[in-house]
Amino acid sequence: MKNKAFKHTADEELVRLYVETQRNVYFEELYDRYVDKVYRKCLSFVKNDAQAEDFTHDIFLRLVLKIGGFKEHAKFSTWLYSITYNYCMDQVRLVKKQAETTLDENFDLEEEENENELMEIQAQDLKKALQKIDPEERAILLMKYQDDFSIKDIADTFKISESAVKMRLMRTKEKLRKIYTENILFFLLILIKVLWFWKK
């Protein structure tokens, strides 16, 4: 629950007060303002509520350690979301790397599971398509279109040039459109097969 005493206090001022005094009341206000938003961003990377909660907890632990290094070149929210996206991408990459080590021995099973997963996709559900792209690509899209990051903010987060950000955005949007279109085509094919079967 947000402290009414801080209703008109800017995030950046709360950071300064916390760094100077180390009083928990200032950090708790920042936590209350952003915990739900950070949790929802974590949930966009993992489909498990408990895992998203663990990620959120770890991110705020990191924030305690990093907050003294916050420079007001960007808004606090932009800085926090950059930490959030980087952490989530690191965790997803780690899981992916671990999964790849057992890919060979589970190849047949994996193929079958992927096919079952395709069957469950709702053609209209863009979130499902988002889950099929690389974590870094997904993060760039969410930064730009969900969190209103500027091209410069995204470039600073990923330590790449602004032109590289624009190129990645363009490619990722095209990839997302292709996946989305393929899902629709897939379900049309299934529908045609089902109709043909019942006509026999």
Protein backbone atom coordinates (compact mmCIF):
# COMPACT_ATOMS: atom_id res chain seq x y z
CA MET A 1 0.00 0.00 0.00
CA LYS A 2 1.44 3.33 -1.06
CA ASN A 3 2.37 5.88 1.62
CA LYS A 4 0.16 8.97 1.19
CA ALA A 5 2.99 11.15 2.51
CA PHE A 6 4.90 10.42 -0.71
CA LYS A 7 1.97 10.95 -3.08
CA HIS A 8 3.63 13.90 -4.83
CA THR A 9 7.26 12.75 -4.41
CA ALA A 10 8.97 11.86 -7.69
CA ASP A 11 10.66 8.47 -8.07
CA GLU A 12 14.04 10.13 -8.56
CA GLU A 13 13.66 12.09 -5.31
CA LEU A 14 12.82 8.89 -3.44
CA VAL A 15 15.99 7.31 -4.84
CA ARG A 16 18.07 10.28 -3.64
CA LEU A 17 16.50 10.16 -0.18
CA TYR A 18 17.07 6.41 0.12
CA VAL A 19 20.69 6.60 -1.02
CA GLU A 20 21.43 9.50 1.37
CA THR A 21 19.62 8.16 4.45
CA GLN A 22 19.36 4.38 3.84
CA ARG A 23 15.89 4.55 5.42
CA ASN A 24 13.75 1.65 4.21
CA VAL A 25 10.59 3.77 4.03
CA TYR A 26 11.83 5.38 0.78
CA PHE A 27 12.72 2.08 -0.88
CA GLU A 28 9.43 0.54 0.26
CA GLU A 29 7.55 3.32 -1.53
CA LEU A 30 9.44 2.59 -4.76
CA TYR A 31 8.75 -1.11 -4.26
CA ASP A 32 5.01 -0.50 -3.79
CA ARG A 33 4.89 1.67 -6.91
CA TYR A 34 6.60 -0.82 -9.19
CA VAL A 35 6.30 -4.37 -7.85
CA ASP A 36 3.13 -5.19 -9.84
CA LYS A 37 4.53 -3.68 -13.05
CA VAL A 38 7.81 -5.60 -12.72
CA TYR A 39 5.87 -8.80 -11.95
CA ARG A 40 3.75 -8.43 -15.10
CA LYS A 41 6.87 -7.92 -17.22
CA CYS A 42 8.42 -11.07 -15.72
CA LEU A 43 5.20 -12.93 -16.46
CA SER A 44 5.54 -11.99 -20.14
CA PHE A 45 8.77 -14.04 -20.21
CA VAL A 46 7.68 -17.03 -18.11
CA LYS A 47 4.20 -18.57 -18.02
CA ASN A 48 4.52 -19.63 -14.38
CA ASP A 49 3.18 -17.28 -11.67
CA ALA A 50 5.54 -18.57 -8.99
CA GLN A 51 8.56 -18.20 -11.27
CA ALA A 52 7.51 -14.65 -12.17
CA GLU A 53 7.29 -13.89 -8.43
CA ASP A 54 10.80 -15.33 -7.90
CA PHE A 55 12.14 -13.19 -10.76
CA THR A 56 10.47 -10.10 -9.27
CA HIS A 57 12.01 -10.81 -5.87
CA ASP A 58 15.47 -11.23 -7.39
CA ILE A 59 15.12 -8.04 -9.45
CA PHE A 60 14.33 -5.95 -6.37
CA LEU A 61 17.26 -7.54 -4.54
CA ARG A 62 19.44 -6.43 -7.45
CA LEU A 63 17.86 -3.01 -7.28
CA VAL A 64 18.94 -2.61 -3.64
CA LEU A 65 22.53 -3.34 -4.70
CA LYS A 66 22.47 -1.15 -7.82
CA ILE A 67 20.41 1.83 -6.69
CA GLY A 68 23.43 3.80 -5.51
CA GLY A 69 24.63 3.82 -9.12
CA PHE A 70 21.43 5.32 -10.53
CA LYS A 71 22.20 8.39 -12.62
CA GLU A 72 19.35 10.64 -13.64
CA HIS A 73 20.15 10.41 -17.36
CA ALA A 74 16.84 8.54 -17.73
CA LYS A 75 13.68 8.19 -15.67
CA PHE A 76 13.86 5.79 -12.74
CA SER A 77 11.13 3.64 -14.32
CA THR A 78 13.13 3.29 -17.55
CA TRP A 79 16.23 2.31 -15.57
CA LEU A 80 14.29 -0.24 -13.48
CA TYR A 81 12.62 -1.77 -16.55
CA SER A 82 16.04 -2.09 -18.21
CA ILE A 83 17.24 -4.09 -15.20
CA THR A 84 14.05 -6.17 -15.36
CA TYR A 85 14.35 -6.99 -19.06
CA ASN A 86 18.06 -7.83 -18.82
CA TYR A 87 17.46 -10.12 -15.84
CA CYS A 88 14.54 -11.93 -17.51
CA MET A 89 16.47 -12.40 -20.76
CA ASP A 90 19.47 -13.80 -18.86
CA GLN A 91 17.25 -16.30 -17.03
CA VAL A 92 15.42 -17.41 -20.18
CA ARG A 93 18.73 -17.84 -22.04
CA LEU A 94 20.07 -19.94 -19.15
CA VAL A 95 17.04 -22.25 -19.26
CA LYS A 96 17.30 -22.48 -23.05
CA LYS A 97 21.00 -23.38 -22.83
CA GLN A 98 20.28 -26.11 -20.26
CA ALA A 99 17.50 -27.49 -22.46
CA GLU A 100 19.80 -27.63 -25.48
CA THR A 101 22.16 -30.00 -23.68
CA THR A 102 19.42 -32.68 -23.61
CA LEU A 103 17.92 -31.86 -27.01
CA ASP A 104 19.53 -34.78 -28.84
CA GLU A 105 18.27 -37.50 -26.51
CA ASN A 106 14.75 -36.02 -26.38
CA PHE A 107 14.49 -34.98 -30.02
CA ASP A 108 11.52 -37.18 -30.96
CA LEU A 109 9.59 -36.25 -27.83
CA GLU A 110 10.34 -32.55 -28.37
CA GLU A 111 8.97 -32.69 -31.90
CA GLU A 112 5.73 -34.24 -30.71
CA GLU A 113 5.33 -31.66 -27.93
CA ASN A 114 5.90 -28.81 -30.38
CA GLU A 115 3.16 -30.19 -32.62
CA ASN A 116 0.75 -30.43 -29.69
CA GLU A 117 1.65 -26.89 -28.72
CA LEU A 118 0.78 -25.69 -32.22
CA MET A 119 -2.62 -27.33 -31.93
CA GLU A 120 -3.41 -25.26 -28.84
CA ILE A 121 -2.52 -21.88 -30.34
CA GLN A 122 -5.41 -19.46 -30.80
CA ALA A 123 -4.95 -17.76 -34.16
CA GLN A 124 -6.09 -14.42 -32.75
CA ASP A 125 -3.78 -14.54 -29.75
CA LEU A 126 -0.76 -12.39 -30.42
CA LYS A 127 0.77 -13.23 -27.03
CA LYS A 128 1.32 -16.79 -28.21
CA ALA A 129 3.25 -15.52 -31.20
CA LEU A 130 5.32 -13.32 -28.89
CA GLN A 131 6.34 -16.41 -26.90
CA LYS A 132 7.84 -17.92 -30.05
CA ILE A 133 10.40 -15.21 -30.70
CA ASP A 134 13.79 -14.75 -29.07
CA PRO A 135 13.70 -13.17 -25.54
CA GLU A 136 15.82 -10.24 -26.71
CA GLU A 137 13.49 -9.60 -29.66
CA ARG A 138 10.48 -9.80 -27.37
CA ALA A 139 12.09 -7.39 -24.91
CA ILE A 140 12.80 -4.81 -27.62
CA LEU A 141 9.17 -4.92 -28.78
CA LEU A 142 7.80 -4.62 -25.25
CA MET A 143 10.18 -1.78 -24.42
CA LYS A 144 9.12 0.17 -27.49
CA TYR A 145 5.39 -0.50 -27.63
CA GLN A 146 4.46 -1.32 -24.04
CA ASP A 147 6.80 0.85 -21.98
CA ASP A 148 7.36 3.73 -24.43
CA PHE A 149 11.16 3.45 -24.32
CA SER A 150 12.82 5.81 -26.76
CA ILE A 151 15.13 4.33 -29.40
CA LYS A 152 18.02 5.84 -27.42
CA ASP A 153 16.86 4.20 -24.16
CA ILE A 154 16.71 0.81 -25.88
CA ALA A 155 20.13 1.37 -27.46
CA ASP A 156 21.59 2.24 -24.04
CA THR A 157 20.04 -0.86 -22.45
CA PHE A 158 21.47 -3.23 -25.07
CA LYS A 159 24.67 -1.23 -25.63
CA ILE A 160 24.10 -1.06 -29.39
CA SER A 161 23.62 1.79 -31.85
CA GLU A 162 20.26 3.46 -32.44
CA SER A 163 20.28 2.34 -36.06
CA ALA A 164 20.81 -1.27 -34.89
CA VAL A 165 17.75 -0.90 -32.63
CA LYS A 166 15.64 0.34 -35.55
CA MET A 167 16.82 -2.57 -37.70
CA ARG A 168 16.04 -5.13 -34.98
CA LEU A 169 12.59 -3.62 -34.43
CA MET A 170 11.83 -3.86 -38.13
CA ARG A 171 13.05 -7.46 -38.38
CA THR A 172 11.27 -8.54 -35.21
CA LYS A 173 7.95 -7.03 -36.30
CA GLU A 174 8.30 -8.86 -39.61
CA LYS A 175 9.11 -12.14 -37.84
CA LEU A 176 6.14 -11.69 -35.50
CA ARG A 177 3.83 -10.98 -38.45
CA LYS A 178 5.11 -14.12 -40.19
CA ILE A 179 4.56 -16.32 -37.11
CA TYR A 180 1.10 -14.85 -36.59
CA THR A 181 0.19 -15.44 -40.24
CA GLU A 182 1.56 -19.01 -40.15
CA ASN A 183 -0.58 -19.76 -37.09
CA ILE A 184 -3.69 -18.58 -38.90
CA LEU A 185 -2.77 -20.67 -41.98
CA PHE A 186 -2.08 -23.69 -39.78
CA PHE A 187 -5.55 -23.54 -38.25
CA LEU A 188 -7.17 -23.04 -41.64
CA LEU A 189 -5.45 -26.22 -42.82
CA ILE A 190 -6.62 -28.13 -39.73
CA LEU A 191 -10.16 -26.83 -40.27
CA ILE A 192 -10.11 -27.92 -43.93
CA LYS A 193 -8.86 -31.39 -42.94
CA VAL A 194 -11.56 -31.73 -40.27
CA LEU A 195 -14.31 -30.65 -42.70
CA TRP A 196 -13.00 -33.02 -45.36
CA PHE A 197 -12.95 -35.90 -42.83
CA TRP A 198 -16.58 -35.35 -41.85
CA LYS A 199 -17.68 -35.19 -45.48
CA LYS A 200 -16.23 -38.64 -46.20
